[in-house]
Amino acid sequence: MRIAVIDCGTNTFHLLIAELNGEKWKFLVRKKMVVKLASGRIHPNEISDKAIAKAVNIMQHYGEIIAASKVHKILTAGTAAFRDARNGPALLQKIYSASGIKVNVISGAEEASLICQGVCAAVTMNASPSLIMDIGGGSTEFIICNDKKILWKKSFRLGAARLLMEFRPEDPFVKKDITRVNQYLQEQLQPLEEAIRKFQPERLIGASGSFETFASILLHRRGEANLLRRTTHYQFNLKDYKNLHRELLLSTYTERLKIPGMLRMRADMIVMASLLLTFVLGNYQIKRLDLSAFALKEGLLTNALKK
């Protein structure tokens, strides 16, 4: 049984093809392509023609890979950009016409649940609550869960690309940029603050994406650049991460591109992602930071396996 999963995010479209052997997945294809649906907008809630064309081309390409891989089933998820854009339905139709692939637009709550399933397939959970965080381009999902169930979840319109468009910070960020972002996060994340007071998680698990970039940079500096290829779970040294955050704040886009371990596709948004993460770590007394290499697309696979 071969299943293809396509995670249509605001910044990146991910393709995963897996084969079910017994009760375990064997990953055959992993591919990601930058789309940046939030770039070049004339209107705030509209995807530009250029971004639409790029999205359609990527999905055509993915359709060709899927056809050559003899896949039995295709699972898709369209996230924040598809939920919010006025011309999202038109993009869905263009993708279907060009590739034959129907993108299923999911709610923020569904996205959070699927992310949780993916993370729990990669990281060993226990009875103590953990806070899962997935920083996307258009939204950021937070889930508090333990090894039994989800205790609380919410999707916030606080993606890194959305925040960059909202605040348009200087390069590098200056003090007033940081202050404005932190004040905004303080206002917007009140529901998260209340949930953390109630459930008191001490560990934050970052799902894929920006967290993989943080880990990649730090592991390059330790001479362990290949570690992430061999594991689905990594525990950060908090002091090392905080030092990296300060370095990123002072860096320009050009300087970030030269950092070993930095993915080019993340160099523009990684500072905003780091600001968001640092706000959560600092304000909610989180004592441990982990990485899950699995997120939404693996959650879709896990959900399919359960069914």
Protein backbone atom coordinates (compact mmCIF):
# COMPACT_ATOMS: atom_id res chain seq x y z
CA MET A 1 0.00 0.00 0.00
CA ARG A 2 1.59 3.25 -1.14
CA ILE A 3 0.26 6.61 -0.01
CA ALA A 4 1.29 10.07 -1.19
CA VAL A 5 0.87 12.99 1.19
CA ILE A 6 1.02 16.63 0.09
CA ASP A 7 1.17 19.34 2.75
CA CYS A 8 0.32 22.62 1.01
CA GLY A 9 1.70 25.20 3.41
CA THR A 10 1.89 28.96 2.97
CA ASN A 11 5.65 28.91 2.31
CA THR A 12 6.38 25.36 1.21
CA PHE A 13 4.63 22.46 -0.49
CA HIS A 14 5.84 19.12 0.90
CA LEU A 15 5.50 15.76 -0.83
CA LEU A 16 5.89 12.50 1.06
CA ILE A 17 5.39 9.06 -0.47
CA ALA A 18 5.37 6.11 1.91
CA GLU A 19 4.80 2.38 1.66
CA LEU A 20 3.02 0.50 4.40
CA ASN A 21 4.88 -2.64 5.52
CA GLY A 22 2.87 -4.36 8.25
CA GLU A 23 2.21 -1.54 10.69
CA LYS A 24 5.24 0.57 9.76
CA TRP A 25 5.86 3.12 7.06
CA LYS A 26 8.85 3.02 4.71
CA PHE A 27 9.49 6.49 3.29
CA LEU A 28 10.20 6.36 -0.44
CA VAL A 29 10.08 10.03 -1.47
CA ARG A 30 10.56 13.23 0.53
CA LYS A 31 10.49 16.48 -1.39
CA LYS A 32 9.79 20.13 -0.56
CA MET A 33 9.50 23.12 -2.85
CA VAL A 34 9.22 26.79 -1.95
CA VAL A 35 5.98 28.45 -3.07
CA LYS A 36 5.54 31.52 -0.77
CA LEU A 37 1.83 32.07 -1.31
CA ALA A 38 2.00 35.22 0.84
CA SER A 39 4.56 37.00 -1.35
CA GLY A 40 3.84 39.69 -3.95
CA ARG A 41 0.33 40.39 -2.70
CA ILE A 42 -1.52 43.47 -3.90
CA HIS A 43 -4.37 42.83 -1.47
CA PRO A 44 -3.71 41.41 2.04
CA ASN A 45 -6.09 38.45 1.69
CA GLU A 46 -5.33 37.52 -1.89
CA ILE A 47 -2.73 35.20 -3.41
CA SER A 48 -0.79 36.88 -6.23
CA ASP A 49 -0.95 35.62 -9.83
CA LYS A 50 2.77 34.81 -9.70
CA ALA A 51 2.36 32.70 -6.55
CA ILE A 52 -0.67 30.93 -8.06
CA ALA A 53 1.32 30.02 -11.17
CA LYS A 54 4.17 28.67 -9.04
CA ALA A 55 1.78 26.63 -6.88
CA VAL A 56 0.15 25.09 -9.97
CA ASN A 57 3.55 24.19 -11.48
CA ILE A 58 4.70 22.54 -8.26
CA MET A 59 1.53 20.48 -8.01
CA GLN A 60 1.86 19.41 -11.65
CA HIS A 61 5.39 18.25 -10.87
CA TYR A 62 4.23 16.40 -7.76
CA GLY A 63 1.46 14.77 -9.81
CA GLU A 64 4.06 13.40 -12.22
CA ILE A 65 6.14 11.98 -9.36
CA ILE A 66 3.06 10.39 -7.82
CA ALA A 67 2.00 8.84 -11.14
CA ALA A 68 5.48 7.32 -11.62
CA SER A 69 5.45 5.95 -8.05
CA LYS A 70 2.30 3.82 -8.53
CA VAL A 71 0.54 5.35 -5.53
CA HIS A 72 -2.76 3.85 -4.31
CA LYS A 73 -4.05 6.88 -2.41
CA ILE A 74 -3.32 10.62 -2.21
CA LEU A 75 -3.83 12.60 1.01
CA THR A 76 -3.65 16.40 0.92
CA ALA A 77 -3.92 19.31 3.32
CA GLY A 78 -4.24 22.97 2.42
CA THR A 79 -3.48 25.22 5.40
CA ALA A 80 -3.58 28.93 6.36
CA ALA A 81 -3.19 30.58 2.94
CA PHE A 82 -5.95 28.42 1.47
CA ARG A 83 -8.19 29.08 4.48
CA ASP A 84 -7.73 32.84 4.43
CA ALA A 85 -7.29 33.95 0.82
CA ARG A 86 -10.29 35.27 -1.08
CA ASN A 87 -9.01 33.57 -4.23
CA GLY A 88 -8.14 30.33 -2.44
CA PRO A 89 -11.03 28.45 -4.11
CA ALA A 90 -9.83 29.61 -7.54
CA LEU A 91 -6.35 28.28 -6.79
CA LEU A 92 -7.82 24.93 -5.72
CA GLN A 93 -9.63 24.65 -9.03
CA LYS A 94 -6.53 25.56 -11.06
CA ILE A 95 -4.48 22.94 -9.20
CA TYR A 96 -7.12 20.29 -9.85
CA SER A 97 -7.42 21.19 -13.54
CA ALA A 98 -3.65 21.09 -14.07
CA SER A 99 -2.70 18.08 -11.94
CA GLY A 100 -5.85 16.11 -11.14
CA ILE A 101 -5.03 16.52 -7.44
CA LYS A 102 -7.77 17.74 -5.13
CA VAL A 103 -6.39 19.75 -2.20
CA ASN A 104 -8.41 19.30 0.97
CA VAL A 105 -8.48 22.58 2.92
CA ILE A 106 -8.35 21.83 6.65
CA SER A 107 -9.32 24.02 9.61
CA GLY A 108 -6.81 25.31 12.14
CA ALA A 109 -8.16 22.82 14.69
CA GLU A 110 -7.73 19.91 12.25
CA GLU A 111 -4.22 21.09 11.45
CA ALA A 112 -3.31 21.16 15.15
CA SER A 113 -4.66 17.63 15.68
CA LEU A 114 -2.75 16.22 12.71
CA ILE A 115 0.48 17.95 13.80
CA CYS A 116 0.05 16.34 17.21
CA GLN A 117 -0.33 12.90 15.64
CA GLY A 118 2.82 13.42 13.61
CA VAL A 119 4.85 14.63 16.61
CA CYS A 120 3.65 11.76 18.80
CA ALA A 121 4.88 9.32 16.13
CA ALA A 122 8.37 10.83 16.39
CA VAL A 123 8.76 11.73 20.08
CA THR A 124 8.08 9.57 23.12
CA MET A 125 5.42 11.25 25.23
CA ASN A 126 4.69 10.63 28.92
CA ALA A 127 2.05 11.49 31.50
CA SER A 128 3.40 15.04 31.96
CA PRO A 129 1.93 17.61 29.55
CA SER A 130 4.10 18.83 26.67
CA LEU A 131 3.58 21.93 24.54
CA ILE A 132 3.83 21.32 20.78
CA MET A 133 4.53 24.30 18.55
CA ASP A 134 4.45 24.42 14.74
CA ILE A 135 5.53 27.73 13.17
CA GLY A 136 4.12 28.02 9.67
CA GLY A 137 4.05 30.86 7.19
CA GLY A 138 0.44 31.85 7.73
CA SER A 139 -0.33 30.38 11.15
CA THR A 140 1.28 28.88 14.23
CA GLU A 141 -0.33 25.93 15.98
CA PHE A 142 -0.01 25.16 19.69
CA ILE A 143 -1.09 21.87 21.23
CA ILE A 144 -0.80 20.73 24.84
CA CYS A 145 -0.94 16.96 25.18
CA ASN A 146 0.37 13.97 27.10
CA ASP A 147 0.72 10.30 26.18
CA LYS A 148 -3.04 9.77 26.47
CA LYS A 149 -4.77 12.68 24.77
CA ILE A 150 -4.82 16.27 23.55
CA LEU A 151 -5.56 18.56 26.50
CA TRP A 152 -5.80 21.84 24.55
CA LYS A 153 -5.12 23.09 21.02
CA LYS A 154 -5.41 26.30 19.03
CA SER A 155 -4.26 27.74 15.72
CA PHE A 156 -3.17 31.40 15.77
CA ARG A 157 -2.82 33.70 12.76
CA LEU A 158 0.81 34.26 13.73
CA GLY A 159 2.81 32.63 10.94
CA ALA A 160 6.30 33.98 10.25
CA ALA A 161 5.40 35.25 6.76
CA ARG A 162 2.22 36.91 8.06
CA LEU A 163 4.15 38.65 10.87
CA LEU A 164 6.81 39.88 8.45
CA MET A 165 4.13 41.41 6.23
CA GLU A 166 2.41 42.95 9.25
CA PHE A 167 5.49 44.58 10.83
CA ARG A 168 7.94 44.97 7.91
CA PRO A 169 11.01 45.07 10.18
CA GLU A 170 14.37 46.53 9.23
CA ASP A 171 17.24 44.23 8.21
CA PRO A 172 18.66 43.49 10.70
CA PHE A 173 15.86 43.89 13.22
CA VAL A 174 16.14 46.97 15.46
CA LYS A 175 14.93 47.37 19.03
CA LYS A 176 11.62 49.00 18.09
CA ASP A 177 10.81 46.07 15.75
CA ILE A 178 11.41 43.55 18.54
CA THR A 179 9.34 45.57 21.02
CA ARG A 180 6.40 45.88 18.63
CA VAL A 181 6.39 42.16 17.81
CA ASN A 182 6.61 41.15 21.47
CA GLN A 183 3.76 43.48 22.44
CA TYR A 184 1.61 42.02 19.67
CA LEU A 185 2.41 38.46 20.73
CA GLN A 186 1.55 39.33 24.33
CA GLU A 187 -1.91 40.42 23.18
CA GLN A 188 -2.57 37.62 20.71
CA LEU A 189 -1.33 34.71 22.82
CA GLN A 190 -3.54 35.31 25.87
CA PRO A 191 -5.45 32.02 25.26
CA LEU A 192 -2.12 30.16 25.21
CA GLU A 193 -1.01 31.83 28.44
CA GLU A 194 -4.22 30.70 30.16
CA ALA A 195 -3.81 27.13 28.89
CA ILE A 196 -0.19 26.99 30.07
CA ARG A 197 -1.21 28.23 33.53
CA LYS A 198 -3.78 25.45 33.66
CA PHE A 199 -1.71 22.50 32.36
CA GLN A 200 1.85 23.70 33.22
CA PRO A 201 3.91 22.01 30.47
CA GLU A 202 7.66 22.15 31.08
CA ARG A 203 8.77 20.81 27.67
CA LEU A 204 8.24 22.47 24.29
CA ILE A 205 8.42 20.26 21.19
CA GLY A 206 8.98 22.16 17.96
CA ALA A 207 7.50 20.50 14.89
CA SER A 208 9.81 20.36 11.89
CA GLY A 209 10.24 23.56 9.80
CA SER A 210 12.08 26.39 11.55
CA PHE A 211 13.05 24.10 14.42
CA GLU A 212 14.92 21.84 12.00
CA THR A 213 16.82 24.90 10.79
CA PHE A 214 17.78 25.89 14.36
CA ALA A 215 18.96 22.32 14.99
CA SER A 216 20.79 22.13 11.66
CA ILE A 217 22.82 25.27 12.42
CA LEU A 218 23.72 24.15 15.94
CA LEU A 219 24.65 20.62 14.82
CA HIS A 220 26.88 21.99 12.05
CA ARG A 221 28.80 23.86 14.74
CA ARG A 222 29.25 20.64 16.71
CA GLY A 223 30.40 18.67 13.67
CA GLU A 224 27.25 16.54 13.69
CA ALA A 225 25.52 17.87 10.59
CA ASN A 226 24.20 14.45 9.55
CA LEU A 227 22.50 13.64 12.86
CA LEU A 228 19.08 14.86 11.74
CA ARG A 229 19.06 12.33 8.91
CA ARG A 230 19.27 9.48 11.41
CA THR A 231 16.75 10.52 14.05
CA THR A 232 13.22 11.86 14.39
CA HIS A 233 13.86 13.51 17.77
CA TYR A 234 16.53 15.90 19.05
CA GLN A 235 16.90 17.74 22.38
CA PHE A 236 18.33 21.26 22.18
CA ASN A 237 20.83 22.76 24.56
CA LEU A 238 18.80 25.81 25.64
CA LYS A 239 21.90 27.96 26.19
CA ASP A 240 23.12 27.22 22.66
CA TYR A 241 19.72 28.09 21.19
CA LYS A 242 19.52 31.40 23.10
CA ASN A 243 22.99 32.36 21.84
CA LEU A 244 21.88 31.53 18.30
CA HIS A 245 18.76 33.67 18.73
CA ARG A 246 20.87 36.70 19.70
CA GLU A 247 23.11 36.10 16.69
CA LEU A 248 20.13 35.88 14.32
CA LEU A 249 18.67 39.14 15.66
CA LEU A 250 21.87 40.99 14.75
CA SER A 251 22.25 39.42 11.30
CA THR A 252 21.22 40.65 7.86
CA TYR A 253 19.56 38.40 5.29
CA THR A 254 22.84 38.22 3.34
CA GLU A 255 24.76 37.22 6.47
CA ARG A 256 22.20 34.55 7.36
CA LEU A 257 22.57 32.94 3.95
CA LYS A 258 26.23 32.27 4.80
CA ILE A 259 25.52 30.51 8.11
CA PRO A 260 26.38 26.79 7.79
CA GLY A 261 23.21 24.73 8.18
CA MET A 262 20.88 27.58 7.15
CA LEU A 263 18.33 26.64 4.50
CA ARG A 264 18.06 29.39 1.87
CA MET A 265 14.26 29.08 1.88
CA ARG A 266 14.16 29.96 5.61
CA ALA A 267 16.74 32.77 5.76
CA ASP A 268 14.16 35.53 5.35
CA MET A 269 11.71 34.30 8.00
CA ILE A 270 13.98 32.58 10.54
CA VAL A 271 14.45 35.71 12.70
CA MET A 272 10.69 36.17 13.10
CA ALA A 273 10.32 32.46 13.89
CA SER A 274 13.07 32.76 16.48
CA LEU A 275 11.41 35.83 18.04
CA LEU A 276 8.17 33.88 18.34
CA LEU A 277 9.87 30.86 19.90
CA THR A 278 11.94 32.99 22.29
CA PHE A 279 8.79 34.82 23.43
CA VAL A 280 7.16 31.51 24.34
CA LEU A 281 10.25 30.11 26.06
CA GLY A 282 10.82 33.28 28.09
CA ASN A 283 7.27 34.09 29.09
CA TYR A 284 6.01 30.64 30.01
CA GLN A 285 8.94 29.19 31.98
CA ILE A 286 9.63 26.36 29.54
CA LYS A 287 12.60 24.33 30.81
CA ARG A 288 13.27 22.03 27.86
CA LEU A 289 13.22 22.39 24.06
CA ASP A 290 12.98 19.41 21.70
CA LEU A 291 12.66 18.94 17.94
CA SER A 292 10.25 16.56 16.24
CA ALA A 293 11.23 15.80 12.64
CA PHE A 294 7.61 14.79 12.03
CA ALA A 295 4.72 17.22 11.69
CA LEU A 296 1.55 17.60 9.61
CA LYS A 297 2.35 15.29 6.69
CA GLU A 298 3.41 12.44 8.99
CA GLY A 299 0.26 13.12 11.01
CA LEU A 300 -1.81 12.53 7.89
CA LEU A 301 -0.01 9.21 7.40
CA THR A 302 -0.50 8.20 11.02
CA ASN A 303 -4.17 9.06 10.80
CA ALA A 304 -4.49 6.94 7.63
CA LEU A 305 -2.79 4.02 9.38
CA LYS A 306 -5.26 4.20 12.27
CA LYS A 307 -8.14 4.04 9.82
